PDB file of N, CA and C in Angstrom:
ATOM      1  N   UNK A   1       3.925 -20.038  -1.881  1.00  0.00           N
ATOM      2  CA  UNK A   1       3.997 -19.126  -2.999  1.00  0.00           C
ATOM      3  C   UNK A   1       4.281 -17.719  -2.466  1.00  0.00           C
ATOM      4  N   UNK A   2       5.418 -17.112  -2.807  1.00  0.00           N
ATOM      5  CA  UNK A   2       5.726 -15.747  -2.369  1.00  0.00           C
ATOM      6  C   UNK A   2       4.781 -14.729  -2.994  1.00  0.00           C
ATOM      7  N   UNK A   3       4.380 -13.768  -2.192  1.00  0.00           N
ATOM      8  CA  UNK A   3       3.488 -12.683  -2.601  1.00  0.00           C
ATOM      9  C   UNK A   3       4.175 -11.392  -2.192  1.00  0.00           C
ATOM     10  N   UNK A   4       4.679 -10.634  -3.165  1.00  0.00           N
ATOM     11  CA  UNK A   4       5.427  -9.406  -2.893  1.00  0.00           C
ATOM     12  C   UNK A   4       4.519  -8.221  -3.170  1.00  0.00           C
ATOM     13  N   UNK A   5       4.358  -7.366  -2.163  1.00  0.00           N
ATOM     14  CA  UNK A   5       3.493  -6.193  -2.282  1.00  0.00           C
ATOM     15  C   UNK A   5       4.375  -4.948  -2.330  1.00  0.00           C
ATOM     16  N   UNK A   6       4.178  -4.114  -3.375  1.00  0.00           N
ATOM     17  CA  UNK A   6       4.974  -2.902  -3.541  1.00  0.00           C
ATOM     18  C   UNK A   6       4.046  -1.699  -3.596  1.00  0.00           C
ATOM     19  N   UNK A   7       4.251  -0.730  -2.669  1.00  0.00           N
ATOM     20  CA  UNK A   7       3.554   0.550  -2.754  1.00  0.00           C
ATOM     21  C   UNK A   7       4.304   1.378  -3.787  1.00  0.00           C
ATOM     22  N   UNK A   8       3.570   1.883  -4.785  1.00  0.00           N
ATOM     23  CA  UNK A   8       4.171   2.472  -5.965  1.00  0.00           C
ATOM     24  C   UNK A   8       3.531   3.827  -6.217  1.00  0.00           C
ATOM     25  N   UNK A   9       4.330   4.858  -6.438  1.00  0.00           N
ATOM     26  CA  UNK A   9       3.788   6.187  -6.717  1.00  0.00           C
ATOM     27  C   UNK A   9       3.097   6.179  -8.074  1.00  0.00           C
ATOM     28  N   UNK A  10       1.844   6.618  -8.094  1.00  0.00           N
ATOM     29  CA  UNK A  10       1.054   6.641  -9.330  1.00  0.00           C
ATOM     30  C   UNK A  10       1.747   7.513 -10.376  1.00  0.00           C
ATOM     31  N   UNK A  11       1.551   7.145 -11.623  1.00  0.00           N
ATOM     32  CA  UNK A  11       2.104   7.924 -12.723  1.00  0.00           C
ATOM     33  C   UNK A  11       3.347   7.328 -13.345  1.00  0.00           C
ATOM     34  N   UNK A  12       3.859   6.251 -12.773  1.00  0.00           N
ATOM     35  CA  UNK A  12       5.024   5.585 -13.355  1.00  0.00           C
ATOM     36  C   UNK A  12       4.577   4.826 -14.599  1.00  0.00           C
ATOM     37  N   UNK A  13       5.470   4.674 -15.528  1.00  0.00           N
ATOM     38  CA  UNK A  13       5.122   3.996 -16.781  1.00  0.00           C
ATOM     39  C   UNK A  13       4.936   2.494 -16.557  1.00  0.00           C
ATOM     40  N   UNK A  14       4.076   1.880 -17.377  1.00  0.00           N
ATOM     41  CA  UNK A  14       3.909   0.425 -17.287  1.00  0.00           C
ATOM     42  C   UNK A  14       5.226  -0.325 -17.527  1.00  0.00           C
ATOM     43  N   UNK A  15       6.081   0.246 -18.368  1.00  0.00           N
ATOM     44  CA  UNK A  15       7.367  -0.398 -18.644  1.00  0.00           C
ATOM     45  C   UNK A  15       8.236  -0.461 -17.382  1.00  0.00           C
ATOM     46  N   UNK A  16       8.221   0.615 -16.594  1.00  0.00           N
ATOM     47  CA  UNK A  16       8.981   0.609 -15.341  1.00  0.00           C
ATOM     48  C   UNK A  16       8.430  -0.420 -14.370  1.00  0.00           C
ATOM     49  N   UNK A  17       7.095  -0.483 -14.265  1.00  0.00           N
ATOM     50  CA  UNK A  17       6.474  -1.481 -13.377  1.00  0.00           C
ATOM     51  C   UNK A  17       6.847  -2.889 -13.818  1.00  0.00           C
ATOM     52  N   UNK A  18       6.770  -3.136 -15.118  1.00  0.00           N
ATOM     53  CA  UNK A  18       7.115  -4.460 -15.631  1.00  0.00           C
ATOM     54  C   UNK A  18       8.567  -4.814 -15.325  1.00  0.00           C
ATOM     55  N   UNK A  19       9.458  -3.837 -15.495  1.00  0.00           N
ATOM     56  CA  UNK A  19      10.874  -4.078 -15.235  1.00  0.00           C
ATOM     57  C   UNK A  19      11.107  -4.397 -13.759  1.00  0.00           C
ATOM     58  N   UNK A  20      10.481  -3.630 -12.877  1.00  0.00           N
ATOM     59  CA  UNK A  20      10.613  -3.884 -11.440  1.00  0.00           C
ATOM     60  C   UNK A  20      10.048  -5.257 -11.101  1.00  0.00           C
ATOM     61  N   UNK A  21       8.877  -5.586 -11.642  1.00  0.00           N
ATOM     62  CA  UNK A  21       8.251  -6.885 -11.360  1.00  0.00           C
ATOM     63  C   UNK A  21       9.158  -8.037 -11.793  1.00  0.00           C
ATOM     64  N   UNK A  22       9.757  -7.910 -12.966  1.00  0.00           N
ATOM     65  CA  UNK A  22      10.646  -8.964 -13.464  1.00  0.00           C
ATOM     66  C   UNK A  22      11.893  -9.103 -12.588  1.00  0.00           C
ATOM     67  N   UNK A  23      12.470  -7.964 -12.184  1.00  0.00           N
ATOM     68  CA  UNK A  23      13.692  -8.012 -11.361  1.00  0.00           C
ATOM     69  C   UNK A  23      13.403  -8.572  -9.969  1.00  0.00           C
ATOM     70  N   UNK A  24      12.282  -8.159  -9.384  1.00  0.00           N
ATOM     71  CA  UNK A  24      11.922  -8.669  -8.061  1.00  0.00           C
ATOM     72  C   UNK A  24      11.636 -10.165  -8.147  1.00  0.00           C
ATOM     73  N   UNK A  25      10.879 -10.575  -9.159  1.00  0.00           N
ATOM     74  CA  UNK A  25      10.564 -11.995  -9.335  1.00  0.00           C
ATOM     75  C   UNK A  25      11.825 -12.824  -9.509  1.00  0.00           C
ATOM     76  N   UNK A  26      12.747 -12.326 -10.315  1.00  0.00           N
ATOM     77  CA  UNK A  26      14.002 -13.037 -10.546  1.00  0.00           C
ATOM     78  C   UNK A  26      14.804 -13.170  -9.260  1.00  0.00           C
ATOM     79  N   UNK A  27      14.881 -12.083  -8.476  1.00  0.00           N
ATOM     80  CA  UNK A  27      15.636 -12.132  -7.212  1.00  0.00           C
ATOM     81  C   UNK A  27      15.010 -13.132  -6.242  1.00  0.00           C
ATOM     82  N   UNK A  28      13.689 -13.103  -6.117  1.00  0.00           N
ATOM     83  CA  UNK A  28      13.007 -14.038  -5.216  1.00  0.00           C
ATOM     84  C   UNK A  28      13.210 -15.468  -5.697  1.00  0.00           C
ATOM     85  N   UNK A  29      13.147 -15.671  -6.997  1.00  0.00           N
ATOM     86  CA  UNK A  29      13.347 -17.002  -7.569  1.00  0.00           C
ATOM     87  C   UNK A  29      14.750 -17.531  -7.274  1.00  0.00           C
ATOM     88  N   UNK A  30      15.745 -16.665  -7.430  1.00  0.00           N
ATOM     89  CA  UNK A  30      17.126 -17.082  -7.177  1.00  0.00           C
ATOM     90  C   UNK A  30      17.350 -17.453  -5.713  1.00  0.00           C
ATOM     91  N   UNK A  31      16.749 -16.711  -4.811  1.00  0.00           N
ATOM     92  CA  UNK A  31      16.946 -16.963  -3.381  1.00  0.00           C
ATOM     93  C   UNK A  31      16.170 -18.191  -2.922  1.00  0.00           C
ATOM     94  N   UNK A  32      14.930 -18.346  -3.409  1.00  0.00           N
ATOM     95  CA  UNK A  32      14.068 -19.424  -2.913  1.00  0.00           C
ATOM     96  C   UNK A  32      14.153 -20.703  -3.730  1.00  0.00           C
ATOM     97  N   UNK A  33      14.609 -20.588  -4.964  1.00  0.00           N
ATOM     98  CA  UNK A  33      14.642 -21.755  -5.840  1.00  0.00           C
ATOM     99  C   UNK A  33      13.307 -22.051  -6.491  1.00  0.00           C
ATOM    100  N   UNK A  34      12.324 -21.183  -6.291  1.00  0.00           N
ATOM    101  CA  UNK A  34      11.007 -21.361  -6.903  1.00  0.00           C
ATOM    102  C   UNK A  34      11.002 -20.847  -8.330  1.00  0.00           C
ATOM    103  N   UNK A  35      10.080 -21.373  -9.133  1.00  0.00           N
ATOM    104  CA  UNK A  35       9.931 -20.899 -10.499  1.00  0.00           C
ATOM    105  C   UNK A  35       9.250 -19.539 -10.534  1.00  0.00           C
ATOM    106  N   UNK A  36       9.475 -18.797 -11.605  1.00  0.00           N
ATOM    107  CA  UNK A  36       8.881 -17.473 -11.737  1.00  0.00           C
ATOM    108  C   UNK A  36       7.354 -17.525 -11.709  1.00  0.00           C
ATOM    109  N   UNK A  37       6.786 -18.614 -12.172  1.00  0.00           N
ATOM    110  CA  UNK A  37       5.332 -18.764 -12.176  1.00  0.00           C
ATOM    111  C   UNK A  37       4.722 -18.907 -10.793  1.00  0.00           C
ATOM    112  N   UNK A  38       5.565 -19.142  -9.796  1.00  0.00           N
ATOM    113  CA  UNK A  38       5.084 -19.298  -8.426  1.00  0.00           C
ATOM    114  C   UNK A  38       5.194 -18.018  -7.599  1.00  0.00           C
ATOM    115  N   UNK A  39       5.647 -16.948  -8.227  1.00  0.00           N
ATOM    116  CA  UNK A  39       5.897 -15.702  -7.499  1.00  0.00           C
ATOM    117  C   UNK A  39       4.929 -14.626  -7.971  1.00  0.00           C
ATOM    118  N   UNK A  40       4.251 -13.999  -7.019  1.00  0.00           N
ATOM    119  CA  UNK A  40       3.316 -12.905  -7.321  1.00  0.00           C
ATOM    120  C   UNK A  40       3.945 -11.588  -6.908  1.00  0.00           C
ATOM    121  N   UNK A  41       3.858 -10.589  -7.785  1.00  0.00           N
ATOM    122  CA  UNK A  41       4.290  -9.231  -7.464  1.00  0.00           C
ATOM    123  C   UNK A  41       3.077  -8.331  -7.681  1.00  0.00           C
ATOM    124  N   UNK A  42       2.684  -7.607  -6.631  1.00  0.00           N
ATOM    125  CA  UNK A  42       1.483  -6.769  -6.677  1.00  0.00           C
ATOM    126  C   UNK A  42       1.883  -5.324  -6.411  1.00  0.00           C
ATOM    127  N   UNK A  43       1.404  -4.427  -7.266  1.00  0.00           N
ATOM    128  CA  UNK A  43       1.666  -3.003  -7.091  1.00  0.00           C
ATOM    129  C   UNK A  43       0.398  -2.310  -6.609  1.00  0.00           C
ATOM    130  N   UNK A  44       0.534  -1.525  -5.568  1.00  0.00           N
ATOM    131  CA  UNK A  44      -0.552  -0.672  -5.089  1.00  0.00           C
ATOM    132  C   UNK A  44      -0.150   0.752  -5.415  1.00  0.00           C
ATOM    133  N   UNK A  45      -0.910   1.396  -6.280  1.00  0.00           N
ATOM    134  CA  UNK A  45      -0.565   2.750  -6.689  1.00  0.00           C
ATOM    135  C   UNK A  45      -1.010   3.749  -5.632  1.00  0.00           C
ATOM    136  N   UNK A  46      -0.084   4.619  -5.247  1.00  0.00           N
ATOM    137  CA  UNK A  46      -0.311   5.617  -4.218  1.00  0.00           C
ATOM    138  C   UNK A  46      -0.275   6.998  -4.857  1.00  0.00           C
ATOM    139  N   UNK A  47      -1.241   7.834  -4.528  1.00  0.00           N
ATOM    140  CA  UNK A  47      -1.263   9.217  -4.993  1.00  0.00           C
ATOM    141  C   UNK A  47      -0.135   9.970  -4.281  1.00  0.00           C
ATOM    142  N   UNK A  48       0.821  10.501  -5.032  1.00  0.00           N
ATOM    143  CA  UNK A  48       2.018  11.111  -4.451  1.00  0.00           C
ATOM    144  C   UNK A  48       1.680  12.299  -3.554  1.00  0.00           C
ATOM    145  N   UNK A  49       0.787  13.174  -3.964  1.00  0.00           N
ATOM    146  CA  UNK A  49       0.466  14.348  -3.157  1.00  0.00           C
ATOM    147  C   UNK A  49      -0.233  13.964  -1.861  1.00  0.00           C
ATOM    148  N   UNK A  50      -1.173  13.036  -1.931  1.00  0.00           N
ATOM    149  CA  UNK A  50      -1.853  12.600  -0.711  1.00  0.00           C
ATOM    150  C   UNK A  50      -0.874  11.917   0.231  1.00  0.00           C
ATOM    151  N   UNK A  51       0.089  11.189  -0.333  1.00  0.00           N
ATOM    152  CA  UNK A  51       1.096  10.523   0.483  1.00  0.00           C
ATOM    153  C   UNK A  51       1.964  11.560   1.198  1.00  0.00           C
ATOM    154  N   UNK A  52       2.330  12.639   0.499  1.00  0.00           N
ATOM    155  CA  UNK A  52       3.124  13.701   1.124  1.00  0.00           C
ATOM    156  C   UNK A  52       2.350  14.345   2.270  1.00  0.00           C
ATOM    157  N   UNK A  53       1.073  14.612   2.049  1.00  0.00           N
ATOM    158  CA  UNK A  53       0.248  15.225   3.086  1.00  0.00           C
ATOM    159  C   UNK A  53       0.141  14.304   4.292  1.00  0.00           C
ATOM    160  N   UNK A  54      -0.042  13.026   4.030  1.00  0.00           N
ATOM    161  CA  UNK A  54      -0.147  12.057   5.116  1.00  0.00           C
ATOM    162  C   UNK A  54       1.132  12.039   5.944  1.00  0.00           C
ATOM    163  N   UNK A  55       2.254  12.045   5.272  1.00  0.00           N
ATOM    164  CA  UNK A  55       3.538  12.010   5.978  1.00  0.00           C
ATOM    165  C   UNK A  55       3.761  13.281   6.795  1.00  0.00           C
ATOM    166  N   UNK A  56       3.222  14.395   6.344  1.00  0.00           N
ATOM    167  CA  UNK A  56       3.373  15.653   7.086  1.00  0.00           C
ATOM    168  C   UNK A  56       2.393  15.750   8.248  1.00  0.00           C
ATOM    169  N   UNK A  57       1.487  14.818   8.352  1.00  0.00           N
ATOM    170  CA  UNK A  57       0.528  14.833   9.444  1.00  0.00           C
ATOM    171  C   UNK A  57      -0.704  15.662   9.141  1.00  0.00           C
ATOM    172  N   UNK A  58      -0.885  16.053   7.867  1.00  0.00           N
ATOM    173  CA  UNK A  58      -2.035  16.873   7.511  1.00  0.00           C
ATOM    174  C   UNK A  58      -3.293  16.036   7.282  1.00  0.00           C
ATOM    175  N   UNK A  59      -3.098  14.790   7.010  1.00  0.00           N
ATOM    176  CA  UNK A  59      -4.227  13.902   6.737  1.00  0.00           C
ATOM    177  C   UNK A  59      -4.273  12.878   7.860  1.00  0.00           C
ATOM    178  N   UNK A  60      -5.094  13.140   8.867  1.00  0.00           N
ATOM    179  CA  UNK A  60      -5.079  12.314  10.076  1.00  0.00           C
ATOM    180  C   UNK A  60      -6.177  11.262  10.144  1.00  0.00           C
ATOM    181  N   UNK A  61      -7.211  11.398   9.359  1.00  0.00           N
ATOM    182  CA  UNK A  61      -8.332  10.460   9.460  1.00  0.00           C
ATOM    183  C   UNK A  61      -7.957   9.123   8.832  1.00  0.00           C
ATOM    184  N   UNK A  62      -8.034   8.073   9.614  1.00  0.00           N
ATOM    185  CA  UNK A  62      -7.735   6.736   9.085  1.00  0.00           C
ATOM    186  C   UNK A  62      -8.828   6.302   8.120  1.00  0.00           C
ATOM    187  N   UNK A  63      -8.397   5.650   7.060  1.00  0.00           N
ATOM    188  CA  UNK A  63      -9.355   5.143   6.087  1.00  0.00           C
ATOM    189  C   UNK A  63      -9.844   6.193   5.111  1.00  0.00           C
ATOM    190  N   UNK A  64      -9.334   7.408   5.193  1.00  0.00           N
ATOM    191  CA  UNK A  64      -9.798   8.438   4.284  1.00  0.00           C
ATOM    192  C   UNK A  64      -9.038   8.421   2.964  1.00  0.00           C
ATOM    193  N   UNK A  65      -7.925   7.724   2.932  1.00  0.00           N
ATOM    194  CA  UNK A  65      -7.118   7.668   1.726  1.00  0.00           C
ATOM    195  C   UNK A  65      -7.725   6.687   0.726  1.00  0.00           C
ATOM    196  N   UNK A  66      -7.943   7.165  -0.491  1.00  0.00           N
ATOM    197  CA  UNK A  66      -8.437   6.281  -1.534  1.00  0.00           C
ATOM    198  C   UNK A  66      -7.262   5.810  -2.374  1.00  0.00           C
ATOM    199  N   UNK A  67      -7.224   4.536  -2.642  1.00  0.00           N
ATOM    200  CA  UNK A  67      -6.143   3.967  -3.439  1.00  0.00           C
ATOM    201  C   UNK A  67      -6.422   4.179  -4.912  1.00  0.00           C
ATOM    202  N   UNK A  68      -5.370   4.460  -5.657  1.00  0.00           N
ATOM    203  CA  UNK A  68      -5.511   4.655  -7.098  1.00  0.00           C
ATOM    204  C   UNK A  68      -5.769   3.329  -7.799  1.00  0.00           C
ATOM    205  N   UNK A  69      -5.421   2.227  -7.178  1.00  0.00           N
ATOM    206  CA  UNK A  69      -5.658   0.919  -7.795  1.00  0.00           C
ATOM    207  C   UNK A  69      -4.581  -0.077  -7.430  1.00  0.00           C
ATOM    208  N   UNK A  70      -4.877  -1.327  -7.666  1.00  0.00           N
ATOM    209  CA  UNK A  70      -3.930  -2.398  -7.395  1.00  0.00           C
ATOM    210  C   UNK A  70      -3.751  -3.180  -8.678  1.00  0.00           C
ATOM    211  N   UNK A  71      -2.516  -3.410  -9.044  1.00  0.00           N
ATOM    212  CA  UNK A  71      -2.226  -4.180 -10.251  1.00  0.00           C
ATOM    213  C   UNK A  71      -1.417  -5.394  -9.856  1.00  0.00           C
ATOM    214  N   UNK A  72      -1.730  -6.534 -10.425  1.00  0.00           N
ATOM    215  CA  UNK A  72      -1.000  -7.754 -10.122  1.00  0.00           C
ATOM    216  C   UNK A  72      -0.272  -8.228 -11.358  1.00  0.00           C
ATOM    217  N   UNK A  73       0.952  -8.699 -11.151  1.00  0.00           N
ATOM    218  CA  UNK A  73       1.746  -9.259 -12.240  1.00  0.00           C
ATOM    219  C   UNK A  73       2.181 -10.652 -11.828  1.00  0.00           C
ATOM    220  N   UNK A  74       2.046 -11.577 -12.713  1.00  0.00           N
ATOM    221  CA  UNK A  74       2.508 -12.933 -12.446  1.00  0.00           C
ATOM    222  C   UNK A  74       3.298 -13.401 -13.648  1.00  0.00           C
ATOM    223  N   UNK A  75       4.478 -13.917 -13.411  1.00  0.00           N
ATOM    224  CA  UNK A  75       5.347 -14.362 -14.503  1.00  0.00           C
ATOM    225  C   UNK A  75       5.299 -15.850 -14.620  1.00  0.00           C
TER     226      UNK A  75
END
């Protein structure tokens, strides 16, 4: 069973997430021949400002980043 993990900037609309999940699921289904019900797409919401700071090297402590949440979609 494919499990696709997507790091996603927080604040995107649920409609955009749903559209991405459907397109990713469809692409994986076409390539693997599996049914959509066998494919998991998981979004991990990332705080955009904290992500920018991390990339600039301002946030160096490992494990200090708090995740905004994880959402799972299954078709």
